[in-house]
Amino acid sequence: MSQREIAISKSSVPRKAIIALAAIFAFGLFVVGFDQGHLFAPVFGEKAFDQMYIHELTHDLRHAAGFPCH
């Protein structure tokens, strides 16, 4: 009777990939949920807080995600 070797490979996600995805998620959460002009303030100054460009672009997504914004 012949014996067969069974190779079990452990496939794991690299730690750098997890950190990168967590950073992308955190940035996305900030953009959708909390940005009130902060991202464009260095470029447009106080006008960015008045216009809230990102807020208006993600307005419906904010409500769908459960973030109050009014």
C-alpha atoms as a PDB file:
ATOM      1  CA  MET A   1       0.000   0.000   0.000  1.00  0.00           C
ATOM      2  CA  SER A   2       1.454   3.394  -0.966  1.00  0.00           C
ATOM      3  CA  GLN A   3       1.193   6.428   1.217  1.00  0.00           C
ATOM      4  CA  ARG A   4       0.259   9.780  -0.216  1.00  0.00           C
ATOM      5  CA  GLU A   5       1.440  13.042   1.165  1.00  0.00           C
ATOM      6  CA  ILE A   6      -1.194  15.669   1.595  1.00  0.00           C
ATOM      7  CA  ALA A   7       0.115  19.197   1.337  1.00  0.00           C
ATOM      8  CA  ILE A   8      -1.857  21.743   3.281  1.00  0.00           C
ATOM      9  CA  SER A   9      -0.944  25.268   2.390  1.00  0.00           C
ATOM     10  CA  LYS A  10      -1.715  28.070   4.755  1.00  0.00           C
ATOM     11  CA  SER A  11      -2.825  31.042   2.767  1.00  0.00           C
ATOM     12  CA  SER A  12      -2.874  34.201   4.790  1.00  0.00           C
ATOM     13  CA  VAL A  13      -3.464  37.788   3.880  1.00  0.00           C
ATOM     14  CA  PRO A  14      -0.336  39.915   4.252  1.00  0.00           C
ATOM     15  CA  ARG A  15      -0.386  42.286   7.188  1.00  0.00           C
ATOM     16  CA  LYS A  16       0.448  45.241   4.930  1.00  0.00           C
ATOM     17  CA  ALA A  17      -2.676  44.556   2.866  1.00  0.00           C
ATOM     18  CA  ILE A  18      -4.856  44.543   5.984  1.00  0.00           C
ATOM     19  CA  ILE A  19      -3.336  47.827   7.148  1.00  0.00           C
ATOM     20  CA  ALA A  20      -3.796  49.402   3.704  1.00  0.00           C
ATOM     21  CA  LEU A  21      -7.438  48.297   3.488  1.00  0.00           C
ATOM     22  CA  ALA A  22      -8.113  49.559   7.028  1.00  0.00           C
ATOM     23  CA  ALA A  23      -6.632  52.947   6.095  1.00  0.00           C
ATOM     24  CA  ILE A  24      -8.747  53.132   2.927  1.00  0.00           C
ATOM     25  CA  PHE A  25     -11.845  52.195   4.936  1.00  0.00           C
ATOM     26  CA  ALA A  26     -11.116  54.822   7.597  1.00  0.00           C
ATOM     27  CA  PHE A  27     -10.581  57.510   4.958  1.00  0.00           C
ATOM     28  CA  GLY A  28     -13.795  56.514   3.173  1.00  0.00           C
ATOM     29  CA  LEU A  29     -15.715  56.578   6.445  1.00  0.00           C
ATOM     30  CA  PHE A  30     -14.419  60.074   7.117  1.00  0.00           C
ATOM     31  CA  VAL A  31     -15.320  61.287   3.626  1.00  0.00           C
ATOM     32  CA  VAL A  32     -18.839  59.867   3.681  1.00  0.00           C
ATOM     33  CA  GLY A  33     -19.716  60.404   7.313  1.00  0.00           C
ATOM     34  CA  PHE A  34     -17.847  63.342   8.708  1.00  0.00           C
ATOM     35  CA  ASP A  35     -16.393  65.636   6.051  1.00  0.00           C
ATOM     36  CA  GLN A  36     -17.943  69.098   6.132  1.00  0.00           C
ATOM     37  CA  GLY A  37     -15.428  70.797   3.864  1.00  0.00           C
ATOM     38  CA  HIS A  38     -12.221  69.693   5.582  1.00  0.00           C
ATOM     39  CA  LEU A  39     -10.722  67.972   2.542  1.00  0.00           C
ATOM     40  CA  PHE A  40     -10.961  70.993   0.271  1.00  0.00           C
ATOM     41  CA  ALA A  41     -10.214  73.615   2.942  1.00  0.00           C
ATOM     42  CA  PRO A  42      -6.468  73.751   2.173  1.00  0.00           C
ATOM     43  CA  VAL A  43      -7.289  74.573  -1.457  1.00  0.00           C
ATOM     44  CA  PHE A  44     -10.471  76.679  -1.259  1.00  0.00           C
ATOM     45  CA  GLY A  45     -10.156  78.065   2.270  1.00  0.00           C
ATOM     46  CA  GLU A  46     -13.318  79.064   4.147  1.00  0.00           C
ATOM     47  CA  LYS A  47     -15.384  78.716   0.983  1.00  0.00           C
ATOM     48  CA  ALA A  48     -15.010  74.919   1.245  1.00  0.00           C
ATOM     49  CA  PHE A  49     -16.850  74.926   4.589  1.00  0.00           C
ATOM     50  CA  ASP A  50     -19.667  77.008   3.104  1.00  0.00           C
ATOM     51  CA  GLN A  51     -20.081  74.946  -0.069  1.00  0.00           C
ATOM     52  CA  MET A  52     -19.410  71.455   1.435  1.00  0.00           C
ATOM     53  CA  TYR A  53     -18.663  69.844  -1.939  1.00  0.00           C
ATOM     54  CA  ILE A  54     -18.064  66.302  -0.631  1.00  0.00           C
ATOM     55  CA  HIS A  55     -21.090  66.525   1.653  1.00  0.00           C
ATOM     56  CA  GLU A  56     -23.328  67.325  -1.287  1.00  0.00           C
ATOM     57  CA  LEU A  57     -21.813  64.562  -3.435  1.00  0.00           C
ATOM     58  CA  THR A  58     -22.284  61.913  -0.730  1.00  0.00           C
ATOM     59  CA  HIS A  59     -25.514  63.262   0.755  1.00  0.00           C
ATOM     60  CA  ASP A  60     -27.779  60.315  -0.078  1.00  0.00           C
ATOM     61  CA  LEU A  61     -25.089  57.818   0.859  1.00  0.00           C
ATOM     62  CA  ARG A  62     -24.835  59.487   4.271  1.00  0.00           C
ATOM     63  CA  HIS A  63     -28.514  58.931   4.927  1.00  0.00           C
ATOM     64  CA  ALA A  64     -28.367  55.337   3.642  1.00  0.00           C
ATOM     65  CA  ALA A  65     -25.447  54.654   5.996  1.00  0.00           C
ATOM     66  CA  GLY A  66     -27.326  56.178   8.932  1.00  0.00           C
ATOM     67  CA  PHE A  67     -25.347  59.390   9.364  1.00  0.00           C
ATOM     68  CA  PRO A  68     -27.496  62.379  10.251  1.00  0.00           C
ATOM     69  CA  CYS A  69     -26.488  65.545   8.460  1.00  0.00           C
ATOM     70  CA  HIS A  70     -29.343  68.018   8.891  1.00  0.00           C
END
